[in-house]
Amino acid sequence: MVLTHEVATVWWEQGVPDRMVWRERRWRVSDTPTRLTATAEFLPSAMTHAPERTVGWRFQVSAGDEAVVVDITPDGDGWVVARTWR
């Protein structure tokens, strides 16, 4: 895993990432995106079904013969690639 903080432009289809431009390349999402969530720390640990908020997405992207798994997270009005796996 590599930590990064690189700007990505993300296009969405039915509420999930579909494609993006990152590192000056066009990438297509090539698997089912997984929503990354977090539960508020101030909630009691005994609380069942605590509300979660989306803190990012994990998915595989492909460009040509290259494929990479990325985590994207919100950054201001846009998105950044926060982690990658090859």
C-alpha atoms as a PDB file:
ATOM      1  CA  MET A   1       0.000   0.000   0.000  1.00  0.00           C
ATOM      2  CA  VAL A   2       1.229   3.489  -0.854  1.00  0.00           C
ATOM      3  CA  LEU A   3      -0.108   6.608   0.869  1.00  0.00           C
ATOM      4  CA  THR A   4      -0.602   9.579  -1.426  1.00  0.00           C
ATOM      5  CA  HIS A   5      -2.605  12.793  -1.658  1.00  0.00           C
ATOM      6  CA  GLU A   6      -3.084  13.326  -5.396  1.00  0.00           C
ATOM      7  CA  VAL A   7      -6.003  15.210  -6.928  1.00  0.00           C
ATOM      8  CA  ALA A   8      -8.442  13.162  -9.014  1.00  0.00           C
ATOM      9  CA  THR A   9     -11.451  14.241 -11.054  1.00  0.00           C
ATOM     10  CA  VAL A  10     -14.211  11.683 -10.526  1.00  0.00           C
ATOM     11  CA  TRP A  11     -17.323  11.014 -12.626  1.00  0.00           C
ATOM     12  CA  TRP A  12     -20.278   9.286 -10.987  1.00  0.00           C
ATOM     13  CA  GLU A  13     -22.939   6.895 -12.279  1.00  0.00           C
ATOM     14  CA  GLN A  14     -25.982   6.162 -10.093  1.00  0.00           C
ATOM     15  CA  GLY A  15     -24.218   7.475  -6.976  1.00  0.00           C
ATOM     16  CA  VAL A  16     -20.971   5.485  -7.298  1.00  0.00           C
ATOM     17  CA  PRO A  17     -17.630   6.289  -8.971  1.00  0.00           C
ATOM     18  CA  ASP A  18     -17.572   5.302 -12.668  1.00  0.00           C
ATOM     19  CA  ARG A  19     -14.381   6.844 -14.081  1.00  0.00           C
ATOM     20  CA  MET A  20     -11.724   9.360 -13.178  1.00  0.00           C
ATOM     21  CA  VAL A  21      -8.757  11.351 -14.373  1.00  0.00           C
ATOM     22  CA  TRP A  22      -5.720  10.906 -12.154  1.00  0.00           C
ATOM     23  CA  ARG A  23      -2.022  11.454 -12.898  1.00  0.00           C
ATOM     24  CA  GLU A  24      -3.070  12.914 -16.263  1.00  0.00           C
ATOM     25  CA  ARG A  25      -4.613   9.590 -17.358  1.00  0.00           C
ATOM     26  CA  ARG A  26      -8.192   8.485 -17.883  1.00  0.00           C
ATOM     27  CA  TRP A  27      -9.177   5.522 -15.712  1.00  0.00           C
ATOM     28  CA  ARG A  28     -12.331   3.380 -15.744  1.00  0.00           C
ATOM     29  CA  VAL A  29     -13.682   1.767 -12.593  1.00  0.00           C
ATOM     30  CA  SER A  30     -13.275  -1.955 -13.315  1.00  0.00           C
ATOM     31  CA  ASP A  31     -14.947  -3.526 -10.267  1.00  0.00           C
ATOM     32  CA  THR A  32     -17.720  -2.741  -7.798  1.00  0.00           C
ATOM     33  CA  PRO A  33     -16.823   0.300  -5.640  1.00  0.00           C
ATOM     34  CA  THR A  34     -16.954  -0.166  -1.864  1.00  0.00           C
ATOM     35  CA  ARG A  35     -18.094   2.703   0.333  1.00  0.00           C
ATOM     36  CA  LEU A  36     -15.647   3.495   3.157  1.00  0.00           C
ATOM     37  CA  THR A  37     -17.513   4.531   6.299  1.00  0.00           C
ATOM     38  CA  ALA A  38     -16.869   5.812   9.815  1.00  0.00           C
ATOM     39  CA  THR A  39     -18.985   5.913  12.948  1.00  0.00           C
ATOM     40  CA  ALA A  40     -18.882   9.007  15.154  1.00  0.00           C
ATOM     41  CA  GLU A  41     -16.518   8.460  18.087  1.00  0.00           C
ATOM     42  CA  PHE A  42     -18.831  10.164  20.590  1.00  0.00           C
ATOM     43  CA  LEU A  43     -21.507   7.447  20.261  1.00  0.00           C
ATOM     44  CA  PRO A  44     -21.644   4.807  23.018  1.00  0.00           C
ATOM     45  CA  SER A  45     -19.925   1.554  22.058  1.00  0.00           C
ATOM     46  CA  ALA A  46     -23.008  -0.457  23.091  1.00  0.00           C
ATOM     47  CA  MET A  47     -25.154   1.294  20.483  1.00  0.00           C
ATOM     48  CA  THR A  48     -26.247  -1.144  17.787  1.00  0.00           C
ATOM     49  CA  HIS A  49     -26.690  -0.017  14.193  1.00  0.00           C
ATOM     50  CA  ALA A  50     -24.932   3.285  14.784  1.00  0.00           C
ATOM     51  CA  PRO A  51     -25.244   5.776  11.933  1.00  0.00           C
ATOM     52  CA  GLU A  52     -22.273   5.848   9.580  1.00  0.00           C
ATOM     53  CA  ARG A  53     -21.022   8.485   7.211  1.00  0.00           C
ATOM     54  CA  THR A  54     -19.172   7.953   3.953  1.00  0.00           C
ATOM     55  CA  VAL A  55     -15.507   8.943   4.259  1.00  0.00           C
ATOM     56  CA  GLY A  56     -14.387   7.675   0.859  1.00  0.00           C
ATOM     57  CA  TRP A  57     -14.522   4.891  -1.708  1.00  0.00           C
ATOM     58  CA  ARG A  58     -12.290   1.923  -2.624  1.00  0.00           C
ATOM     59  CA  PHE A  59     -12.270   0.446  -6.115  1.00  0.00           C
ATOM     60  CA  GLN A  60     -10.066  -0.849  -8.895  1.00  0.00           C
ATOM     61  CA  VAL A  61      -9.379   1.373 -11.891  1.00  0.00           C
ATOM     62  CA  SER A  62      -7.948   0.340 -15.248  1.00  0.00           C
ATOM     63  CA  ALA A  63      -6.207   2.238 -18.036  1.00  0.00           C
ATOM     64  CA  GLY A  64      -4.891   0.185 -20.926  1.00  0.00           C
ATOM     65  CA  ASP A  65      -3.122  -2.849 -19.469  1.00  0.00           C
ATOM     66  CA  GLU A  66      -2.584  -1.237 -16.042  1.00  0.00           C
ATOM     67  CA  ALA A  67      -4.888  -1.787 -13.050  1.00  0.00           C
ATOM     68  CA  VAL A  68      -4.658  -0.174  -9.606  1.00  0.00           C
ATOM     69  CA  VAL A  69      -6.824  -0.344  -6.478  1.00  0.00           C
ATOM     70  CA  VAL A  70      -7.380   3.147  -5.047  1.00  0.00           C
ATOM     71  CA  ASP A  71      -9.029   4.785  -2.070  1.00  0.00           C
ATOM     72  CA  ILE A  72     -10.476   8.203  -2.826  1.00  0.00           C
ATOM     73  CA  THR A  73     -11.442  10.684  -0.119  1.00  0.00           C
ATOM     74  CA  PRO A  74     -13.127  14.084  -0.260  1.00  0.00           C
ATOM     75  CA  ASP A  75     -10.865  17.126  -0.229  1.00  0.00           C
ATOM     76  CA  GLY A  76     -12.624  20.480  -0.253  1.00  0.00           C
ATOM     77  CA  ASP A  77     -14.914  20.498  -3.294  1.00  0.00           C
ATOM     78  CA  GLY A  78     -13.154  17.564  -4.978  1.00  0.00           C
ATOM     79  CA  TRP A  79     -11.476  14.210  -4.418  1.00  0.00           C
ATOM     80  CA  VAL A  80      -7.965  12.925  -3.823  1.00  0.00           C
ATOM     81  CA  VAL A  81      -6.429   9.488  -4.206  1.00  0.00           C
ATOM     82  CA  ALA A  82      -5.365   8.713  -0.635  1.00  0.00           C
ATOM     83  CA  ARG A  83      -4.018   5.140  -1.025  1.00  0.00           C
ATOM     84  CA  THR A  84      -3.042   2.811  -3.849  1.00  0.00           C
ATOM     85  CA  TRP A  85      -2.371  -0.905  -4.185  1.00  0.00           C
ATOM     86  CA  ARG A  86      -0.768  -2.543  -7.222  1.00  0.00           C
END
